[in-house]
Amino acid sequence: MNIIGIIALIVAVIAAVGIFYFHKKDEDDLAKICIWVFIVAALVGLVLVFLPGILHPTAGTIIFIK
C-alpha cells in the first residue's frame, strides 16, 4: 500500500506542474483536469501512506522481542 501511495503522490506532483504548464499555455480545460487529478492523487496518496501508521502504530516496523 505504501508503494502505491508514494506513486500517487508522485502523480500529484506531476499534475501540480501540469496545472501551471497548461494554464500558461491557455489550455484551461486541461488545467482543470490536472486540478482534479492533483486533488484525487494527493488525497489517495496521503491516505495510503499515513493510514497504516495511524491505524496501527507499529505497522511497517520490525519489533524483536527477546
N, C-alpha and C. Protein backbone atom coordinates (compact mmCIF):
# COMPACT_ATOMS: atom_id res chain seq x y z
N MET A 1 0.82 -1.20 0.00
CA MET A 1 0.00 0.00 0.00
C MET A 1 0.86 1.25 0.00
N ASN A 2 1.98 1.20 0.72
CA ASN A 2 2.82 2.39 0.78
C ASN A 2 3.43 2.73 -0.57
N ILE A 3 3.78 1.71 -1.35
CA ILE A 3 4.35 1.97 -2.68
C ILE A 3 3.30 2.63 -3.57
N ILE A 4 2.07 2.16 -3.50
CA ILE A 4 1.00 2.76 -4.30
C ILE A 4 0.76 4.20 -3.85
N GLY A 5 0.84 4.44 -2.54
CA GLY A 5 0.67 5.79 -2.03
C GLY A 5 1.76 6.72 -2.50
N ILE A 6 3.00 6.23 -2.52
CA ILE A 6 4.11 7.06 -3.00
C ILE A 6 3.95 7.35 -4.47
N ILE A 7 3.53 6.37 -5.24
CA ILE A 7 3.30 6.59 -6.67
C ILE A 7 2.18 7.61 -6.87
N ALA A 8 1.13 7.54 -6.06
CA ALA A 8 0.04 8.52 -6.16
C ALA A 8 0.52 9.92 -5.82
N LEU A 9 1.42 10.05 -4.85
CA LEU A 9 1.97 11.37 -4.53
C LEU A 9 2.84 11.90 -5.66
N ILE A 10 3.58 11.02 -6.33
CA ILE A 10 4.37 11.44 -7.49
C ILE A 10 3.46 11.92 -8.60
N VAL A 11 2.36 11.21 -8.82
CA VAL A 11 1.37 11.64 -9.83
C VAL A 11 0.80 13.00 -9.46
N ALA A 12 0.57 13.23 -8.16
CA ALA A 12 0.05 14.52 -7.71
C ALA A 12 1.03 15.65 -8.00
N VAL A 13 2.31 15.39 -7.81
CA VAL A 13 3.32 16.42 -8.10
C VAL A 13 3.37 16.71 -9.60
N ILE A 14 3.30 15.67 -10.41
CA ILE A 14 3.30 15.86 -11.86
C ILE A 14 2.05 16.63 -12.30
N ALA A 15 0.91 16.33 -11.68
CA ALA A 15 -0.33 17.06 -12.01
C ALA A 15 -0.23 18.51 -11.58
N ALA A 16 0.43 18.78 -10.45
CA ALA A 16 0.59 20.16 -10.00
C ALA A 16 1.43 20.96 -10.98
N VAL A 17 2.46 20.34 -11.52
CA VAL A 17 3.27 21.01 -12.56
C VAL A 17 2.43 21.21 -13.82
N GLY A 18 1.60 20.22 -14.14
CA GLY A 18 0.73 20.33 -15.31
C GLY A 18 -0.29 21.46 -15.18
N ILE A 19 -0.74 21.73 -13.96
CA ILE A 19 -1.69 22.83 -13.75
C ILE A 19 -1.07 24.14 -14.23
N PHE A 20 0.14 24.41 -13.77
CA PHE A 20 0.81 25.66 -14.14
C PHE A 20 1.18 25.68 -15.62
N TYR A 21 1.62 24.54 -16.15
CA TYR A 21 2.03 24.47 -17.56
C TYR A 21 0.85 24.74 -18.49
N PHE A 22 -0.26 24.04 -18.25
CA PHE A 22 -1.40 24.21 -19.14
C PHE A 22 -2.09 25.55 -18.94
N HIS A 23 -2.03 26.09 -17.73
CA HIS A 23 -2.61 27.42 -17.51
C HIS A 23 -1.80 28.48 -18.26
N LYS A 24 -0.50 28.28 -18.31
CA LYS A 24 0.36 29.23 -19.03
C LYS A 24 0.13 29.15 -20.53
N LYS A 25 -0.21 27.97 -21.03
CA LYS A 25 -0.47 27.77 -22.46
C LYS A 25 -1.91 28.10 -22.83
N ASP A 26 -2.70 28.61 -21.90
CA ASP A 26 -4.12 28.94 -22.10
C ASP A 26 -4.96 27.73 -22.48
N GLU A 27 -4.60 26.59 -21.96
CA GLU A 27 -5.39 25.37 -22.12
C GLU A 27 -6.13 25.13 -20.81
N ASP A 28 -7.18 25.89 -20.60
CA ASP A 28 -7.86 25.86 -19.31
C ASP A 28 -8.58 24.54 -19.04
N ASP A 29 -9.05 23.87 -20.09
CA ASP A 29 -9.71 22.58 -19.88
C ASP A 29 -8.74 21.54 -19.33
N LEU A 30 -7.54 21.50 -19.91
CA LEU A 30 -6.54 20.55 -19.42
C LEU A 30 -6.06 20.94 -18.02
N ALA A 31 -6.00 22.23 -17.74
CA ALA A 31 -5.61 22.67 -16.40
C ALA A 31 -6.65 22.23 -15.37
N LYS A 32 -7.92 22.30 -15.72
CA LYS A 32 -8.97 21.85 -14.80
C LYS A 32 -8.88 20.35 -14.55
N ILE A 33 -8.57 19.58 -15.60
CA ILE A 33 -8.38 18.14 -15.42
C ILE A 33 -7.21 17.87 -14.50
N CYS A 34 -6.12 18.64 -14.67
CA CYS A 34 -4.95 18.47 -13.81
C CYS A 34 -5.26 18.82 -12.37
N ILE A 35 -6.13 19.80 -12.15
CA ILE A 35 -6.52 20.15 -10.79
C ILE A 35 -7.21 18.97 -10.12
N TRP A 36 -8.15 18.35 -10.84
CA TRP A 36 -8.87 17.21 -10.26
C TRP A 36 -7.94 16.01 -10.05
N VAL A 37 -7.03 15.78 -11.00
CA VAL A 37 -6.08 14.68 -10.83
C VAL A 37 -5.19 14.95 -9.61
N PHE A 38 -4.77 16.20 -9.43
CA PHE A 38 -3.95 16.56 -8.29
C PHE A 38 -4.69 16.31 -6.97
N ILE A 39 -5.94 16.75 -6.90
CA ILE A 39 -6.71 16.59 -5.67
C ILE A 39 -6.89 15.11 -5.33
N VAL A 40 -7.32 14.33 -6.30
CA VAL A 40 -7.57 12.91 -6.05
C VAL A 40 -6.28 12.16 -5.73
N ALA A 41 -5.23 12.40 -6.51
CA ALA A 41 -3.97 11.68 -6.27
C ALA A 41 -3.35 12.07 -4.94
N ALA A 42 -3.45 13.34 -4.56
CA ALA A 42 -2.88 13.77 -3.29
C ALA A 42 -3.64 13.13 -2.12
N LEU A 43 -4.96 13.12 -2.19
CA LEU A 43 -5.74 12.51 -1.11
C LEU A 43 -5.49 11.01 -1.01
N VAL A 44 -5.51 10.33 -2.14
CA VAL A 44 -5.29 8.89 -2.14
C VAL A 44 -3.88 8.57 -1.64
N GLY A 45 -2.90 9.33 -2.12
CA GLY A 45 -1.52 9.09 -1.71
C GLY A 45 -1.31 9.32 -0.23
N LEU A 46 -1.84 10.41 0.29
CA LEU A 46 -1.67 10.69 1.72
C LEU A 46 -2.36 9.65 2.59
N VAL A 47 -3.56 9.23 2.17
CA VAL A 47 -4.28 8.22 2.95
C VAL A 47 -3.51 6.90 2.93
N LEU A 48 -3.03 6.49 1.77
CA LEU A 48 -2.34 5.20 1.69
C LEU A 48 -0.99 5.22 2.39
N VAL A 49 -0.34 6.36 2.43
CA VAL A 49 0.97 6.43 3.09
C VAL A 49 0.81 6.51 4.61
N PHE A 50 -0.14 7.31 5.09
CA PHE A 50 -0.23 7.54 6.53
C PHE A 50 -1.24 6.66 7.25
N LEU A 51 -2.19 6.07 6.55
CA LEU A 51 -3.23 5.29 7.21
C LEU A 51 -2.70 4.08 7.98
N PRO A 52 -1.77 3.30 7.45
CA PRO A 52 -1.29 2.15 8.24
C PRO A 52 -0.67 2.57 9.57
N GLY A 53 0.06 3.66 9.58
CA GLY A 53 0.66 4.13 10.83
C GLY A 53 -0.36 4.68 11.81
N ILE A 54 -1.44 5.24 11.29
CA ILE A 54 -2.48 5.78 12.16
C ILE A 54 -3.29 4.64 12.78
N LEU A 55 -3.64 3.65 11.96
CA LEU A 55 -4.45 2.54 12.47
C LEU A 55 -3.66 1.63 13.40
N HIS A 56 -2.41 1.40 13.08
CA HIS A 56 -1.59 0.51 13.89
C HIS A 56 -0.19 1.12 13.97
N PRO A 57 0.15 1.72 15.09
CA PRO A 57 1.41 2.49 15.18
C PRO A 57 2.67 1.69 14.87
N THR A 58 2.63 0.39 15.03
CA THR A 58 3.83 -0.40 14.75
C THR A 58 3.82 -1.01 13.35
N ALA A 59 2.88 -0.58 12.51
CA ALA A 59 2.81 -1.13 11.15
C ALA A 59 4.06 -0.73 10.39
N GLY A 60 4.64 -1.70 9.73
CA GLY A 60 5.82 -1.41 8.93
C GLY A 60 7.11 -1.45 9.72
N THR A 61 7.06 -1.66 11.01
CA THR A 61 8.28 -1.74 11.80
C THR A 61 8.48 -3.17 12.27
N ILE A 62 9.72 -3.52 12.49
CA ILE A 62 10.06 -4.86 12.96
C ILE A 62 10.38 -4.77 14.45
N ILE A 63 9.68 -5.51 15.24
CA ILE A 63 9.89 -5.49 16.67
C ILE A 63 10.47 -6.85 17.08
N PHE A 64 11.67 -6.80 17.65
CA PHE A 64 12.30 -8.02 18.14
C PHE A 64 12.00 -8.16 19.62
N ILE A 65 11.36 -9.25 19.99
CA ILE A 65 11.02 -9.49 21.39
C ILE A 65 11.92 -10.62 21.89
N LYS A 66 12.68 -10.31 22.94
CA LYS A 66 13.58 -11.33 23.49
C LYS A 66 12.98 -11.91 24.74
